[in-house]
Protein backbone atom coordinates (compact mmCIF):
# COMPACT_ATOMS: atom_id res chain seq x y z
CA UNK A 1 -0.34 -91.08 25.28
CA UNK A 2 3.01 -91.74 26.84
CA UNK A 3 5.92 -89.35 26.69
CA UNK A 4 9.56 -90.15 26.90
CA UNK A 5 11.85 -88.83 29.61
CA UNK A 6 13.57 -86.38 27.26
CA UNK A 7 10.25 -85.11 25.96
CA UNK A 8 9.05 -84.37 29.48
CA UNK A 9 12.29 -82.56 30.28
CA UNK A 10 12.00 -80.37 27.16
CA UNK A 11 8.39 -79.57 27.98
CA UNK A 12 9.40 -78.44 31.48
CA UNK A 13 12.18 -76.28 30.07
CA UNK A 14 9.74 -74.72 27.60
CA UNK A 15 7.21 -73.99 30.36
CA UNK A 16 9.88 -72.38 32.52
CA UNK A 17 11.06 -70.27 29.59
CA UNK A 18 7.54 -69.13 28.73
CA UNK A 19 6.90 -68.33 32.40
CA UNK A 20 10.05 -66.22 32.52
CA UNK A 21 9.06 -64.36 29.35
CA UNK A 22 5.59 -63.62 30.74
CA UNK A 23 7.11 -62.45 34.00
CA UNK A 24 9.57 -60.23 32.15
CA UNK A 25 6.71 -58.73 30.11
CA UNK A 26 4.48 -57.85 33.03
CA UNK A 27 7.27 -57.12 35.48
CA UNK A 28 9.65 -55.02 33.40
CA UNK A 29 8.50 -54.06 29.90
CA UNK A 30 4.92 -52.96 30.60
CA UNK A 31 5.84 -50.85 33.69
CA UNK A 32 8.53 -49.13 31.64
CA UNK A 33 6.01 -48.21 28.94
CA UNK A 34 3.66 -46.83 31.55
CA UNK A 35 6.46 -44.68 32.97
CA UNK A 36 6.94 -43.23 29.49
CA UNK A 37 3.33 -41.96 29.36
CA UNK A 38 2.90 -38.32 28.08
CA UNK A 39 4.50 -35.62 30.23
CA UNK A 40 2.93 -32.25 31.19
CA UNK A 41 2.27 -30.05 28.23
CA UNK A 42 2.34 -32.97 25.66
CA UNK A 43 -0.78 -34.82 24.46
CA UNK A 44 -0.95 -38.61 24.71
CA UNK A 45 0.00 -40.47 21.57
CA UNK A 46 -2.95 -41.71 19.53
CA UNK A 47 -1.76 -45.04 18.15
CA UNK A 48 -5.10 -46.81 18.01
CA UNK A 49 -4.40 -49.18 20.97
CA UNK A 50 -7.45 -49.83 23.14
CA UNK A 51 -5.34 -50.02 26.32
CA UNK A 52 -3.98 -46.46 26.14
CA UNK A 53 -3.62 -45.19 29.71
CA UNK A 54 -2.04 -42.30 31.54
CA UNK A 55 -0.45 -42.29 34.98
CA UNK A 56 -1.69 -39.35 37.02
CA UNK A 57 1.16 -37.16 38.19
CA UNK A 58 1.66 -33.98 40.17
CA UNK A 59 3.62 -31.25 38.44
CA UNK A 60 3.47 -27.63 37.26
CA UNK A 61 0.60 -27.05 34.80
CA UNK A 62 1.18 -24.36 32.22
CA UNK A 63 -1.98 -22.52 31.13
CA UNK A 64 -1.75 -20.74 27.83
CA UNK A 65 -3.37 -19.68 24.60
CA UNK A 66 -2.56 -20.85 21.09
CA UNK A 67 -2.93 -18.43 18.20
CA UNK A 68 -1.75 -18.10 14.65
CA UNK A 69 0.37 -15.15 13.61
CA UNK A 70 3.06 -14.06 11.24
CA UNK A 71 6.57 -12.69 11.40
CA UNK A 72 6.96 -9.03 10.60
CA UNK A 73 9.77 -6.51 10.63
CA UNK A 74 9.88 -3.87 13.33
CA UNK A 75 11.06 -1.46 10.68
CA UNK A 76 10.06 -1.66 7.04
CA UNK A 77 11.44 0.78 4.50
CA UNK A 78 8.51 1.61 2.25
CA UNK A 79 9.74 3.01 -1.04
CA UNK A 80 7.53 5.35 -3.05
CA UNK A 81 7.85 8.25 -5.47
CA UNK A 82 8.53 11.28 -3.28
CA UNK A 83 8.06 13.79 -6.09
CA UNK A 84 4.67 15.46 -6.30
CA UNK A 85 4.51 14.47 -9.93
CA UNK A 86 2.48 11.91 -11.86
CA UNK A 87 4.60 9.66 -14.05
CA UNK A 88 4.87 6.05 -15.20
CA UNK A 89 6.96 3.08 -14.12
CA UNK A 90 9.79 2.54 -16.60
CA UNK A 91 11.72 -0.30 -14.89
CA UNK A 92 11.57 -2.22 -11.61
CA UNK A 93 13.69 -4.91 -10.00
CA UNK A 94 12.17 -8.38 -9.63
CA UNK A 95 10.34 -9.19 -6.41
CA UNK A 96 12.16 -11.27 -3.76
CA UNK A 97 15.52 -10.06 -5.09
CA UNK A 98 18.20 -9.55 -2.46
CA UNK A 99 19.67 -6.07 -2.73
CA UNK A 100 22.44 -4.04 -1.15
CA UNK A 101 22.11 -0.52 0.21
CA UNK A 102 22.30 1.91 -2.71
CA UNK A 103 21.13 -0.52 -5.41
CA UNK A 104 18.62 0.84 -7.94
CA UNK A 105 15.15 -0.56 -7.30
CA UNK A 106 12.99 1.26 -9.85
CA UNK A 107 13.12 3.91 -12.56
CA UNK A 108 10.35 6.30 -13.64
CA UNK A 109 9.58 8.04 -16.93
CA UNK A 110 11.35 11.46 -17.18
CA UNK A 111 10.85 12.66 -20.80
CA UNK A 112 7.83 14.80 -20.00
CA UNK A 113 9.56 16.19 -16.92
CA UNK A 114 12.62 17.18 -18.98
CA UNK A 115 10.40 19.00 -21.50
CA UNK A 116 8.69 20.92 -18.71
CA UNK A 117 12.07 21.92 -17.26
CA UNK A 118 13.16 23.26 -20.65
CA UNK A 119 9.89 25.18 -21.07
CA UNK A 120 10.30 26.73 -17.62
CA UNK A 121 13.86 27.81 -18.39
CA UNK A 122 12.67 29.56 -21.57
CA UNK A 123 9.80 31.17 -19.70
CA UNK A 124 12.18 32.52 -17.05
CA UNK A 125 14.44 34.05 -19.74
CA UNK A 126 11.42 35.78 -21.35
CA UNK A 127 10.23 37.09 -18.00
CA UNK A 128 13.68 38.50 -17.20
CA UNK A 129 13.69 40.41 -20.51
CA UNK A 130 10.23 41.79 -19.81
CA UNK A 131 11.41 42.80 -16.35
CA UNK A 132 14.32 44.75 -17.84
CA UNK A 133 11.92 46.57 -20.21
CA UNK A 134 9.60 47.37 -17.31
CA UNK A 135 12.50 48.82 -15.30
CA UNK A 136 13.49 51.04 -18.25
CA UNK A 137 9.87 52.06 -18.68
CA UNK A 138 9.80 53.11 -15.04
CA UNK A 139 12.84 55.34 -15.58
CA UNK A 140 11.11 57.00 -18.54
CA UNK A 141 7.91 57.39 -16.56
CA UNK A 142 9.78 59.00 -13.67
CA UNK A 143 11.30 61.54 -16.06
CA UNK A 144 7.92 62.24 -17.70
CA UNK A 145 6.26 62.60 -14.31
CA UNK A 146 8.92 65.12 -13.25
CA UNK A 147 8.28 67.22 -16.38
CA UNK A 148 4.50 67.09 -15.90
CA UNK A 149 4.84 68.09 -12.25
CA UNK A 150 7.15 70.96 -13.12
CA UNK A 151 4.72 72.28 -15.76
CA UNK A 152 1.80 72.07 -13.34
CA UNK A 153 3.77 73.78 -10.59
CA UNK A 154 4.78 76.56 -13.00
CA UNK A 155 1.14 77.12 -13.98
CA UNK A 156 0.17 77.37 -10.34
CA UNK A 157 3.06 79.74 -9.67
CA UNK A 158 2.04 81.87 -12.66
CA UNK A 159 -1.57 82.03 -11.49
CA UNK A 160 -0.51 83.05 -8.01
CA UNK A 161 1.84 85.68 -9.44
CA UNK A 162 -0.98 87.13 -11.54
CA UNK A 163 -3.19 87.22 -8.47
CA UNK A 164 -0.56 88.98 -6.39
CA UNK A 165 0.25 91.33 -9.27
CA UNK A 166 -3.37 92.34 -9.66
CA UNK A 167 -3.87 92.86 -5.93
CA UNK A 168 -0.69 94.82 -5.48
CA UNK A 169 -0.49 96.84 -8.74
CA UNK A 170 -3.17 96.53 -11.38
CA UNK A 171 -6.20 96.97 -9.16
CA UNK A 172 -4.71 100.03 -7.38
CA UNK A 173 -3.50 101.52 -10.63
CA UNK A 174 -6.89 101.08 -12.27
CA UNK A 175 -8.67 102.55 -9.28
CA UNK A 176 -6.28 105.53 -9.22
CA UNK A 177 -6.79 105.99 -12.95
CA UNK A 178 -10.54 106.10 -12.53
CA UNK A 179 -10.29 108.41 -9.55
CA UNK A 180 -8.05 110.74 -11.58
CA UNK A 181 -10.51 110.69 -14.45
CA UNK A 182 -13.28 111.74 -12.09
CA UNK A 183 -11.12 114.49 -10.64
CA UNK A 184 -10.28 115.78 -14.10
CA UNK A 185 -13.91 115.60 -15.12
CA UNK A 186 -14.96 117.49 -12.00
CA UNK A 187 -12.30 120.16 -12.74
CA UNK A 188 -13.50 120.36 -16.30
CA UNK A 189 -17.13 120.76 -15.15
CA UNK A 190 -16.09 123.48 -12.73
CA UNK A 191 -14.10 125.29 -15.42
CA UNK A 192 -16.96 125.04 -17.84
CA UNK A 193 -19.37 126.30 -15.20
CA UNK A 194 -17.07 129.24 -14.40
CA UNK A 195 -16.82 130.02 -18.07
CA UNK A 196 -20.61 129.93 -18.31
CA UNK A 197 -20.91 132.25 -15.33
CA UNK A 198 -18.34 134.62 -16.87
CA UNK A 199 -20.19 134.74 -20.19
CA UNK A 200 -23.46 135.21 -18.44
CA UNK A 201 -22.23 138.09 -16.23
CA UNK A 202 -20.20 139.95 -18.84
CA UNK A 203 -21.34 141.63 -21.97
CA UNK A 204 -19.75 140.27 -25.06
CA UNK A 205 -17.71 142.34 -27.42
CA UNK A 206 -19.48 142.93 -30.67
CA UNK A 207 -18.72 144.59 -33.95
CA UNK A 208 -20.84 147.29 -35.53
CA UNK A 209 -22.88 144.90 -37.54
CA UNK A 210 -23.45 142.32 -34.69
CA UNK A 211 -26.37 142.18 -32.33
CA UNK A 212 -25.10 142.17 -28.75
CA UNK A 213 -28.01 140.16 -27.39
CA UNK A 214 -27.83 137.66 -30.14
CA UNK A 215 -24.14 137.10 -29.60
CA UNK A 216 -24.53 136.76 -25.85
CA UNK A 217 -27.18 134.13 -26.30
CA UNK A 218 -24.86 132.37 -28.67
CA UNK A 219 -21.95 132.53 -26.25
CA UNK A 220 -24.16 131.35 -23.33
CA UNK A 221 -25.37 128.47 -25.43
CA UNK A 222 -21.84 127.45 -26.29
CA UNK A 223 -20.80 127.75 -22.64
CA UNK A 224 -23.81 125.69 -21.53
CA UNK A 225 -22.98 123.04 -24.09
CA UNK A 226 -19.46 122.72 -22.70
CA UNK A 227 -20.87 122.49 -19.18
CA UNK A 228 -23.16 119.68 -20.30
CA UNK A 229 -20.32 117.90 -22.05
CA UNK A 230 -18.11 118.16 -18.96
CA UNK A 231 -20.91 116.91 -16.70
CA UNK A 232 -21.51 114.01 -19.09
CA UNK A 233 -17.81 113.21 -18.98
CA UNK A 234 -17.96 113.39 -15.16
CA UNK A 235 -20.93 111.05 -15.09
CA UNK A 236 -19.09 108.66 -17.38
CA UNK A 237 -16.00 108.77 -15.16
CA UNK A 238 -18.07 108.12 -12.05
CA UNK A 239 -19.93 105.35 -13.93
CA UNK A 240 -16.64 103.78 -14.90
CA UNK A 241 -15.58 103.77 -11.24
CA UNK A 242 -18.85 102.18 -10.19
CA UNK A 243 -18.56 99.55 -12.91
CA UNK A 244 -15.01 98.82 -11.80
CA UNK A 245 -15.99 98.45 -8.17
CA UNK A 246 -19.17 96.42 -8.79
CA UNK A 247 -18.21 94.30 -11.78
CA UNK A 248 -14.75 94.53 -13.26
CA UNK A 249 -12.78 94.22 -10.03
CA UNK A 250 -14.80 91.31 -8.51
CA UNK A 251 -14.91 89.54 -11.87
CA UNK A 252 -11.18 89.92 -12.32
CA UNK A 253 -10.53 88.69 -8.79
CA UNK A 254 -12.86 85.72 -9.30
CA UNK A 255 -11.22 84.85 -12.60
CA UNK A 256 -7.75 85.03 -11.07
CA UNK A 257 -8.83 82.97 -8.03
CA UNK A 258 -10.40 80.37 -10.32
CA UNK A 259 -7.21 80.26 -12.29
CA UNK A 260 -5.23 79.68 -9.09
CA UNK A 261 -7.63 77.02 -7.89
CA UNK A 262 -7.64 75.35 -11.28
CA UNK A 263 -3.86 75.38 -11.38
CA UNK A 264 -3.72 73.94 -7.85
CA UNK A 265 -6.29 71.28 -8.77
CA UNK A 266 -4.38 70.46 -11.89
CA UNK A 267 -1.19 70.10 -9.84
CA UNK A 268 -2.92 67.63 -7.50
CA UNK A 269 -4.27 65.72 -10.48
CA UNK A 270 -0.81 65.57 -12.00
CA UNK A 271 0.65 64.36 -8.69
CA UNK A 272 -2.01 61.65 -8.38
CA UNK A 273 -1.60 60.70 -12.02
CA UNK A 274 2.18 60.47 -11.75
CA UNK A 275 2.00 58.50 -8.53
CA UNK A 276 -0.58 56.17 -10.05
CA UNK A 277 1.58 55.63 -13.12
CA UNK A 278 4.59 54.86 -10.91
CA UNK A 279 2.46 52.49 -8.83
CA UNK A 280 1.30 50.72 -12.00
CA UNK A 281 4.83 50.43 -13.30
CA UNK A 282 6.06 49.16 -9.89
CA UNK A 283 3.22 46.65 -9.81
CA UNK A 284 4.18 45.47 -13.25
CA UNK A 285 7.82 45.13 -12.16
CA UNK A 286 6.84 43.33 -8.96
CA UNK A 287 4.53 41.07 -10.94
CA UNK A 288 7.38 40.10 -13.26
CA UNK A 289 9.65 39.49 -10.27
CA UNK A 290 6.98 37.43 -8.56
CA UNK A 291 6.40 35.38 -11.72
CA UNK A 292 10.15 34.87 -12.10
CA UNK A 293 10.42 33.81 -8.46
CA UNK A 294 7.43 31.49 -8.70
CA UNK A 295 8.60 30.00 -11.98
CA UNK A 296 12.14 29.60 -10.60
CA UNK A 297 10.77 27.78 -7.56
CA UNK A 298 8.79 25.51 -9.85
CA UNK A 299 11.88 24.95 -12.00
CA UNK A 300 13.98 24.11 -8.92
CA UNK A 301 11.26 21.76 -7.72
CA UNK A 302 11.08 19.99 -11.09
CA UNK A 303 14.86 19.74 -11.21
CA UNK A 304 14.82 18.17 -7.75
CA UNK A 305 12.25 15.67 -9.07
CA UNK A 306 14.86 14.40 -11.50
CA UNK A 307 16.85 12.99 -8.56
CA UNK A 308 13.68 11.28 -7.35
CA UNK A 309 13.01 9.44 -10.61
CA UNK A 310 14.99 6.46 -9.31
CA UNK A 311 14.39 4.45 -6.13
CA UNK A 312 17.50 3.24 -4.29
CA UNK A 313 17.68 0.66 -1.54
CA UNK A 314 18.28 2.36 1.84
CA UNK A 315 19.48 -0.87 3.48
CA UNK A 316 20.38 -4.44 2.62
CA UNK A 317 17.32 -6.60 2.31
CA UNK A 318 14.79 -8.42 0.13
CA UNK A 319 12.43 -6.64 -2.27
CA UNK A 320 8.69 -6.95 -1.63
CA UNK A 321 6.20 -5.34 -4.01
CA UNK A 322 3.63 -2.98 -2.52
CA UNK A 323 2.87 -2.42 1.16
CA UNK A 324 2.61 -5.71 3.07
CA UNK A 325 0.75 -3.93 5.88
CA UNK A 326 -2.10 -3.17 3.45
CA UNK A 327 -3.18 -6.73 2.89
CA UNK A 328 -6.57 -5.77 1.46
CA UNK A 329 -5.28 -3.29 -1.12
CA UNK A 330 -2.15 -4.84 -2.62
CA UNK A 331 -1.26 -3.16 -5.90
CA UNK A 332 -0.39 -4.99 -9.09
CA UNK A 333 3.07 -3.81 -10.10
CA UNK A 334 3.70 -3.73 -13.83
CA UNK A 335 5.73 -1.65 -16.28
CA UNK A 336 3.95 1.40 -17.65
CA UNK A 337 1.62 1.74 -14.69
CA UNK A 338 0.71 5.21 -13.45
CA UNK A 339 2.71 6.26 -10.39
CA UNK A 340 1.46 8.82 -7.88
CA UNK A 341 3.21 10.49 -4.98
CA UNK A 342 3.67 8.33 -1.87
CA UNK A 343 2.15 5.26 -3.52
CA UNK A 344 4.15 2.46 -1.87
CA UNK A 345 5.77 0.52 -4.69
CA UNK A 346 8.46 -1.48 -2.88
CA UNK A 347 8.99 -2.47 0.75
CA UNK A 348 12.32 -3.64 2.18
CA UNK A 349 11.92 -5.09 5.69
CA UNK A 350 14.91 -5.11 8.03
CA UNK A 351 15.40 -8.83 8.65
CA UNK A 352 17.76 -8.17 11.55
CA UNK A 353 14.97 -6.85 13.77
CA UNK A 354 11.89 -9.05 13.52
CA UNK A 355 8.84 -9.47 15.72
CA UNK A 356 5.62 -11.45 15.58
CA UNK A 357 2.17 -9.98 15.02
CA UNK A 358 -1.10 -11.73 15.80
CA UNK A 359 -4.80 -10.99 16.24
CA UNK A 360 -5.91 -11.57 19.84
CA UNK A 361 -9.61 -12.58 19.88
CA UNK A 362 -11.79 -10.31 21.98
CA UNK A 363 -12.91 -13.19 24.26
CA UNK A 364 -9.28 -13.86 25.27
CA UNK A 365 -8.33 -10.26 25.98
CA UNK A 366 -8.75 -10.61 29.73
CA UNK A 367 -6.47 -13.67 29.80
CA UNK A 368 -3.47 -12.14 28.02
CA UNK A 369 -1.37 -9.22 29.27
CA UNK A 370 1.70 -7.38 28.09
CA UNK A 371 4.72 -9.20 29.52
CA UNK A 372 3.30 -12.74 29.14
CA UNK A 373 5.86 -15.21 27.85
CA UNK A 374 5.29 -16.84 24.48
CA UNK A 375 6.73 -19.63 22.35
CA UNK A 376 6.75 -19.10 18.58
CA UNK A 377 6.78 -22.12 16.22
CA UNK A 378 7.19 -21.39 12.46
CA UNK A 379 4.87 -23.48 10.26
CA UNK A 380 7.60 -23.94 7.67
CA UNK A 381 10.31 -24.93 10.20
CA UNK A 382 8.95 -27.90 12.20
CA UNK A 383 10.70 -28.46 15.51
CA UNK A 384 12.11 -24.93 15.81
CA UNK A 385 10.83 -22.79 18.65
CA UNK A 386 11.62 -19.20 19.57
CA UNK A 387 10.93 -17.60 22.93
CA UNK A 388 9.47 -14.13 23.24
CA UNK A 389 7.32 -11.75 25.25
CA UNK A 390 3.99 -10.09 24.49
CA UNK A 391 5.13 -6.48 23.98
CA UNK A 392 2.02 -4.73 22.71
CA UNK A 393 -1.77 -5.07 22.71
CA UNK A 394 -3.89 -2.40 21.06
CA UNK A 395 -6.16 -0.42 23.36
CA UNK A 396 -9.20 -0.72 21.12
CA UNK A 397 -10.43 -3.77 19.18
CA UNK A 398 -11.11 -3.78 15.44
CA UNK A 399 -13.07 -6.06 13.14
CA UNK A 400 -11.11 -9.05 11.89
CA UNK A 401 -12.43 -8.17 8.42
CA UNK A 402 -12.19 -4.39 8.47
CA UNK A 403 -14.99 -3.83 5.96
CA UNK A 404 -17.39 -6.27 7.68
CA UNK A 405 -18.78 -4.81 10.90
CA UNK A 406 -20.27 -8.19 11.82
CA UNK A 407 -16.91 -10.00 11.77
CA UNK A 408 -15.28 -10.93 15.12
CA UNK A 409 -13.43 -8.28 17.09
CA UNK A 410 -9.69 -8.67 17.62
CA UNK A 411 -6.88 -6.75 19.30
CA UNK A 412 -3.82 -6.15 17.13
CA UNK A 413 -0.89 -7.47 19.19
CA UNK A 414 2.87 -8.00 18.96
CA UNK A 415 5.48 -10.34 20.41
CA UNK A 416 9.11 -9.31 20.93
CA UNK A 417 11.52 -12.15 20.29
CA UNK A 418 14.24 -12.84 22.84
CA UNK A 419 16.73 -13.56 20.08
CA UNK A 420 16.81 -12.92 16.36
CA UNK A 421 17.40 -15.75 13.92
CA UNK A 422 18.47 -15.80 10.29
CA UNK A 423 15.94 -18.61 9.74
CA UNK A 424 13.05 -16.24 10.35
CA UNK A 425 11.88 -14.00 7.51
CA UNK A 426 9.20 -11.35 7.27
CA UNK A 427 5.80 -12.75 6.30
CA UNK A 428 6.43 -16.25 7.70
CA UNK A 429 3.36 -17.87 9.30
CA UNK A 430 3.83 -19.09 12.87
CA UNK A 431 1.93 -20.72 15.70
CA UNK A 432 2.06 -18.90 19.04
CA UNK A 433 1.67 -20.44 22.50
CA UNK A 434 1.22 -17.69 25.06
CA UNK A 435 1.87 -18.63 28.69
CA UNK A 436 -0.77 -16.83 30.70
CA UNK A 437 -0.50 -18.74 34.00
CA UNK A 438 1.49 -21.53 35.68
CA UNK A 439 -0.19 -23.57 38.44
CA UNK A 440 2.45 -24.95 40.79
CA UNK A 441 2.41 -28.58 42.05
CA UNK A 442 -1.04 -29.69 40.89
CA UNK A 443 -2.64 -32.89 39.54
CA UNK A 444 -3.69 -32.93 35.88
CA UNK A 445 -4.58 -35.40 33.13
CA UNK A 446 -4.83 -35.18 29.33
CA UNK A 447 -8.06 -33.59 28.10
CA UNK A 448 -8.98 -36.80 26.24
CA UNK A 449 -9.15 -38.63 29.61
CA UNK A 450 -12.03 -36.45 30.91
CA UNK A 451 -15.61 -37.05 29.76
CA UNK A 452 -18.75 -35.03 30.35
CA UNK A 453 -22.32 -36.09 31.00
CA UNK A 454 -24.59 -33.05 31.43
CA UNK A 455 -23.00 -31.14 34.35
CA UNK A 456 -20.97 -34.15 35.49
CA UNK A 457 -17.32 -34.78 34.67
CA UNK A 458 -15.75 -38.24 35.06
CA UNK A 459 -12.74 -40.39 34.07
CA UNK A 460 -12.16 -44.08 33.61
CA UNK A 461 -9.71 -45.22 36.28
CA UNK A 462 -8.13 -48.60 35.63
CA UNK A 463 -7.67 -51.25 38.30
CA UNK A 464 -7.75 -55.01 38.96
CA UNK A 465 -11.39 -55.18 37.91
CA UNK A 466 -10.91 -53.12 34.75
CA UNK A 467 -11.83 -49.49 33.99
CA UNK A 468 -14.20 -47.81 36.41
CA UNK A 469 -16.00 -44.47 36.20
CA UNK A 470 -14.80 -41.94 38.74
CA UNK A 471 -16.39 -38.51 39.17
CA UNK A 472 -13.88 -35.66 39.20
CA UNK A 473 -13.92 -31.97 39.84
CA UNK A 474 -11.94 -30.10 37.20
CA UNK A 475 -10.13 -26.76 37.38
CA UNK A 476 -8.41 -24.76 34.69
CA UNK A 477 -7.12 -26.28 31.45
CA UNK A 478 -5.01 -25.61 28.39
CA UNK A 479 -5.25 -27.15 24.94
CA UNK A 480 -3.77 -30.48 26.13
CA UNK A 481 -4.29 -30.91 29.89
CA UNK A 482 -6.96 -30.25 32.50
CA UNK A 483 -6.45 -29.70 36.22
CA UNK A 484 -8.08 -32.25 38.58
CA UNK A 485 -9.22 -30.70 41.85
CA UNK A 486 -10.92 -33.79 43.35
CA UNK A 487 -11.44 -37.48 42.43
CA UNK A 488 -7.90 -38.61 41.56
CA UNK A 489 -4.59 -38.92 43.31
CA UNK A 490 -1.04 -39.09 42.10
CA UNK A 491 -0.18 -42.51 40.65
CA UNK A 492 -3.70 -43.43 39.49
CA UNK A 493 -4.00 -44.83 35.98
CA UNK A 494 -6.74 -43.41 33.71
CA UNK A 495 -7.86 -44.38 30.21
CA UNK A 496 -7.28 -42.01 27.35
CA UNK A 497 -10.34 -43.40 25.57
CA UNK A 498 -13.87 -44.38 26.49
CA UNK A 499 -13.74 -48.16 27.02
CA UNK A 500 -17.54 -48.54 26.80
CA UNK A 501 -20.55 -46.34 26.28
CA UNK A 502 -23.74 -46.01 28.22
CA UNK A 503 -27.02 -46.80 26.54
CA UNK A 504 -30.21 -46.05 28.53
CA UNK A 505 -28.30 -46.15 31.81
CA UNK A 506 -26.61 -49.50 31.07
CA UNK A 507 -23.06 -50.18 30.04
CA UNK A 508 -22.45 -51.39 26.54
């Protein structure tokens, strides 16, 4: 086939143009793409191309830990019924409502409380009236006690007077009377005896018709009779004195002493009785006062509960039902529900002071310390990142599922944000990258470039003859990159895929 001159010229121009395009592709475009390979800390793009490669570089390798967490408020105002009183929920504001400080959040039933306050007021009035009656009764009892004491004291005084009177006058007078009777009787006996002696010694005067002897016997008999009568009277007087000394006087003294003792005993009984009655009345008065005081305290407490039957927002914020920190026991808030003291009904987190909480797995505890830097990425705000610092790690681990002792152990931890942002809200889920270590000026490659065969690690290094296995010694790694200690040098190109597989020791 013969070609014309113009045809040959056009073919040469086309060949030159194609040669220039090929040179531009391999000399400019492809090297530029290789320079734009993934940088430290970013995984290589997975676009399905079989010639994905990575240029080994030397840079700072950041070692860290990725964990999920959530945003929480440093201070959450947990609203609950402060009154020690069981009631019911009458009204509540809708959840997620934005409120201002002082806004009403919830109202509780107060009808029963009002009735109890009225009953207590009536009870206090009745107790005060009973107290007044008890005080008047005490006045009457004091007067009665004084009269009873005076009567008992007068009886004792009378008994003592009778005793003194007997000792000083009656006993002496009686004894003198008896002694005088004896003396008179003795004088009478002596006179009668003298008369008898006179009659006996002297002859009687007789008339002519009387017998002298007969008359003398008669006179002697009469005289003897008088002597006997006087002696009998003397014996009676002496007997009366003996009876007085042995019986009448001791008996009288005993009777008077018993009367004094009885009067004294009666006085003591009256004193004890009056004191006991006063004590009883005072106890009754004190009991009324104590009941009034106790009932008044209860009334004041119930009245103070009236001010607690509404919940008001302490700060500006957003309403959350229940206690968000009690994730396993969230209450169902509904009208008419029973409300108990300190049962968290509403929580208002302070959005101006947020932090991040996360569960640090037990196996990573030794790698993370308070003060480590962290980067927080909200799940709902792609592309936004917030810097912070690990501010707290619990001393003791707990089960991830608190009721399951076999669940993994975690350390409750917190991250303090460097700056607050209005885009963050309490409860927001986030991803956390904690920087635990930075290795200065080291060689590293993406993790997908390193392969493992038993205890051997290798990469596929590209060259003129195609990919070639190269054994490497690896160091530390993060989720995206692994440190290369030996086997590669800066500038080497490695595959980010496995270009062929080995089957029974041969390449496939």
